[in-house]
Amino acid sequence: MDDRLEHLLQELSVAINESVSGSEQIRSVIAQIGGEGFEVLLFLNATIAILRADERALSSRTHMNGKVESGFNAEDVEFLKSMRISLKR
């Protein structure tokens, strides 16, 4: 991996962390849990896959009927649903 790509991935990591830590909703829920007498330790693990633009094996494609074809398996879809993320377009 070249230095530029490594730097961009580090920037992405920082942006994700700032998004989570800056979320008013997350802070609010953590405060509510704290109000119940618990301490919250939040650990997130993100897997980031990168493909060259010409390697489209896992990329999403939208068909004429609007259906999205993706490289997600059933477990991926269930996880996304649990995070309230929809694959519908």
Foldseek 3Di string as FASTA:
>chain_A
DDPVVVVVVVVVVVVVVCVQVVDPVNVVVQVVVVVVVDHDDDDDDDDDDDDPPVPCPAPWDADPVQDIDGNDDPVRQVVCVVVVHDPGD
